[in-house]
Amino acid sequence: MTYPLIPAKHFTAGRGTHSPRIIVIHTMETPETEGRARQVANWFAGASAPQASAHYCVDDKEIIQSVKDTDTAWAVDDFDLNQQSISIELAGTAGQNAAQWHDTYSKAEFAQFVALSKALSVKYGIPATWLNTQMILDGKTKGFCGHHDITIAKKIAGGHTDPGANFPMVEFLQAVAK
C-alpha cells in the first residue's frame, strides 16, 4: 500500500507511545472535482498551509498521502487523539445528502476509500466498528469515527460536523468488513 506522498507542512514526527487505533473520517469541505485529493494535499504542503494536516486525501481517482502513518497529523483539536489516529480526508462536504453520497463521483471515491480503509484495518488490527464517545476516550478501543464524533467526545467548541449526517456509515463498515 504505497501512495504518492506530498508532505504536509504541519505535522509532528512520530506518534509518542501510541500506535494507530482510530481511523478518523473527514470531508474536505470542497466540491467533488477532478484532482481534488492532489489539490488539498498541495494545500496542506503549501507555503500558506493551515496549521492542519491529514494522513490521506481521497477523491474519485486518486489517493495522496500527506503525512506518513508513523507520524502524527494535525487533524483534530486534540494532540493525544491525533497521536492515536489516522485521518482520511474525502472530497465533498459534510452537508451532502444521501443521493450525493451515491452519485457517480462519490461511488468511485467510496471504492478508493474502502480499499484504503481495508488496508489500514489489516495493517493496524482496526475492526470495522463505529466508535462511540466512550470508546474514543478510553484510549484502547479500535475502530472508525468521524471528526464530528471527536468534537462531541472532547466537547470542542465550534467543532466539526464531518463527514455529515448522511455519510453512509453502515454501508461503509459493511464494505470494510468484507
Protein backbone atom coordinates (compact mmCIF):
# COMPACT_ATOMS: atom_id res chain seq x y z
CA MET A 1 0.00 0.00 0.00
CA THR A 2 2.04 2.88 -1.34
CA TYR A 3 0.57 6.18 -2.45
CA PRO A 4 2.14 9.34 -3.83
CA LEU A 5 3.44 11.44 -0.93
CA ILE A 6 3.08 15.20 -0.88
CA PRO A 7 4.41 16.02 2.61
CA ALA A 8 2.24 18.34 4.68
CA LYS A 9 3.89 21.42 6.12
CA HIS A 10 2.43 20.88 9.59
CA PHE A 11 2.63 17.54 11.41
CA THR A 12 4.57 16.02 14.30
CA ALA A 13 7.27 13.45 13.65
CA GLY A 14 6.47 10.16 15.39
CA ARG A 15 3.48 9.16 17.49
CA GLY A 16 4.83 9.27 21.01
CA THR A 17 3.97 5.99 22.73
CA HIS A 18 0.85 5.45 20.63
CA SER A 19 0.07 3.33 17.61
CA PRO A 20 -2.95 3.95 15.40
CA ARG A 21 -6.21 2.67 16.90
CA ILE A 22 -8.73 5.05 15.31
CA ILE A 23 -9.34 5.94 11.69
CA VAL A 24 -10.98 9.37 11.57
CA ILE A 25 -13.11 10.30 8.57
CA HIS A 26 -13.14 13.91 7.41
CA THR A 27 -14.63 15.76 4.47
CA MET A 28 -12.55 18.36 2.66
CA GLU A 29 -15.49 20.79 2.53
CA THR A 30 -14.80 21.26 -1.16
CA PRO A 31 -16.64 20.43 -4.36
CA GLU A 32 -16.17 16.94 -5.74
CA THR A 33 -13.94 17.77 -8.68
CA GLU A 34 -11.19 16.01 -10.60
CA GLY A 35 -7.80 16.18 -8.93
CA ARG A 36 -9.24 17.33 -5.60
CA ALA A 37 -7.10 14.94 -3.49
CA ARG A 38 -3.92 16.30 -5.05
CA GLN A 39 -5.15 19.91 -4.71
CA VAL A 40 -5.86 19.51 -1.00
CA ALA A 41 -2.56 17.67 -0.40
CA ASN A 42 -0.75 20.53 -2.14
CA TRP A 43 -2.69 22.99 0.05
CA PHE A 44 -1.52 21.12 3.20
CA ALA A 45 2.05 21.31 1.81
CA GLY A 46 2.00 24.90 0.60
CA ALA A 47 3.69 27.99 1.96
CA SER A 48 0.36 29.31 3.28
CA ALA A 49 -0.82 25.93 4.60
CA PRO A 50 -3.20 25.97 7.53
CA GLN A 51 -1.92 24.57 10.81
CA ALA A 52 -3.63 21.30 9.91
CA SER A 53 -2.97 18.10 8.01
CA ALA A 54 -4.29 14.61 7.36
CA HIS A 55 -2.62 11.34 6.54
CA TYR A 56 -4.53 10.75 3.30
CA CYS A 57 -6.58 12.74 0.80
CA VAL A 58 -9.03 10.76 -1.36
CA ASP A 59 -11.05 11.67 -4.45
CA ASP A 60 -12.70 9.64 -7.20
CA LYS A 61 -9.45 8.69 -8.93
CA GLU A 62 -6.54 9.16 -6.55
CA ILE A 63 -5.25 8.75 -3.02
CA ILE A 64 -2.47 11.09 -1.95
CA GLN A 65 -0.61 10.67 1.32
CA SER A 66 0.22 13.88 3.18
CA VAL A 67 1.58 12.52 6.47
CA LYS A 68 3.27 9.15 6.92
CA ASP A 69 1.40 6.63 9.09
CA THR A 70 4.34 6.69 11.52
CA ASP A 71 3.87 10.43 12.10
CA THR A 72 1.11 12.48 13.72
CA ALA A 73 -1.19 14.56 11.53
CA TRP A 74 -2.70 17.74 12.93
CA ALA A 75 -6.24 16.69 12.10
CA VAL A 76 -8.39 17.02 15.21
CA ASP A 77 -8.21 19.55 18.03
CA ASP A 78 -6.65 17.11 20.47
CA PHE A 79 -2.97 16.16 20.25
CA ASP A 80 -3.36 12.88 22.15
CA LEU A 81 -6.13 11.68 19.81
CA ASN A 82 -4.09 12.84 16.81
CA GLN A 83 -1.30 10.53 18.02
CA GLN A 84 -3.77 7.63 18.22
CA SER A 85 -5.40 8.13 14.85
CA ILE A 86 -5.03 8.10 11.11
CA SER A 87 -7.06 10.80 9.40
CA ILE A 88 -8.55 10.46 5.93
CA GLU A 89 -9.95 13.45 4.03
CA LEU A 90 -12.70 12.77 1.47
CA ALA A 91 -13.58 15.17 -1.33
CA GLY A 92 -17.03 16.60 -0.73
CA THR A 93 -18.86 18.18 2.17
CA ALA A 94 -20.50 17.23 5.43
CA GLY A 95 -23.72 18.69 4.04
CA GLN A 96 -24.06 16.11 1.27
CA ASN A 97 -27.42 14.36 1.14
CA ALA A 98 -27.81 10.60 0.72
CA ALA A 99 -28.15 10.87 -3.08
CA GLN A 100 -24.96 12.93 -3.29
CA TRP A 101 -23.06 10.27 -1.34
CA HIS A 102 -24.20 7.80 -4.05
CA ASP A 103 -23.57 9.84 -7.20
CA THR A 104 -21.01 8.69 -9.78
CA TYR A 105 -18.14 10.68 -8.27
CA SER A 106 -18.87 9.55 -4.70
CA LYS A 107 -19.21 5.90 -5.71
CA ALA A 108 -15.74 5.98 -7.29
CA GLU A 109 -14.34 7.84 -4.28
CA PHE A 110 -16.05 5.39 -1.93
CA ALA A 111 -14.33 2.44 -3.68
CA GLN A 112 -10.92 4.13 -3.22
CA PHE A 113 -11.73 4.97 0.40
CA VAL A 114 -12.89 1.44 1.24
CA ALA A 115 -9.74 -0.09 -0.28
CA LEU A 116 -7.53 2.28 1.75
CA SER A 117 -9.55 1.64 4.92
CA LYS A 118 -9.35 -2.13 4.48
CA ALA A 119 -5.58 -1.98 4.05
CA LEU A 120 -5.19 0.22 7.14
CA SER A 121 -7.57 -2.03 9.11
CA VAL A 122 -5.46 -5.07 8.34
CA LYS A 123 -2.15 -3.29 8.96
CA TYR A 124 -3.19 -1.93 12.38
CA GLY A 125 -5.77 -4.51 13.50
CA ILE A 126 -8.59 -1.98 13.43
CA PRO A 127 -12.05 -3.59 13.16
CA ALA A 128 -14.94 -2.24 11.07
CA THR A 129 -16.61 -0.77 14.14
CA TRP A 130 -18.00 2.74 14.63
CA LEU A 131 -16.76 4.16 17.92
CA ASN A 132 -19.00 5.97 20.36
CA THR A 133 -17.69 8.78 22.57
CA GLN A 134 -16.72 6.47 25.45
CA MET A 135 -14.72 4.26 23.10
CA ILE A 136 -12.96 7.27 21.58
CA LEU A 137 -11.94 8.47 25.04
CA ASP A 138 -10.96 5.12 26.58
CA GLY A 139 -7.54 5.09 24.92
CA LYS A 140 -7.75 1.46 23.83
CA THR A 141 -10.80 0.58 21.71
CA LYS A 142 -10.05 0.39 18.00
CA GLY A 143 -12.37 1.42 15.20
CA PHE A 144 -13.62 4.25 12.98
CA CYS A 145 -15.25 7.57 13.74
CA GLY A 146 -15.99 10.89 12.15
CA HIS A 147 -14.34 14.16 13.03
CA HIS A 148 -17.74 15.13 14.44
CA ASP A 149 -17.57 12.24 16.93
CA ILE A 150 -14.28 13.54 18.32
CA THR A 151 -15.73 17.06 18.54
CA ILE A 152 -18.56 15.64 20.70
CA ALA A 153 -16.32 13.34 22.78
CA LYS A 154 -13.86 16.12 23.62
CA LYS A 155 -16.55 18.83 23.90
CA ILE A 156 -14.70 21.04 21.43
CA ALA A 157 -16.49 24.36 20.95
CA GLY A 158 -17.34 25.24 17.37
CA GLY A 159 -16.20 21.83 16.26
CA HIS A 160 -16.69 19.89 13.10
CA THR A 161 -19.70 18.08 11.64
CA ASP A 162 -17.87 15.95 9.08
CA PRO A 163 -18.38 13.53 7.47
CA GLY A 164 -22.02 14.55 7.98
CA ALA A 165 -25.32 13.02 9.00
CA ASN A 166 -25.87 11.39 5.60
CA PHE A 167 -22.46 9.70 5.34
CA PRO A 168 -23.24 6.03 4.50
CA MET A 169 -21.65 4.66 7.69
CA VAL A 170 -23.38 1.27 7.71
CA GLU A 171 -22.61 0.69 4.03
CA PHE A 172 -19.01 1.76 4.63
CA LEU A 173 -18.47 -0.53 7.64
CA GLN A 174 -20.01 -3.47 5.79
CA ALA A 175 -17.71 -2.87 2.81
CA VAL A 176 -14.61 -2.66 5.04
CA ALA A 177 -15.63 -5.82 6.91
CA LYS A 178 -15.93 -7.88 3.68
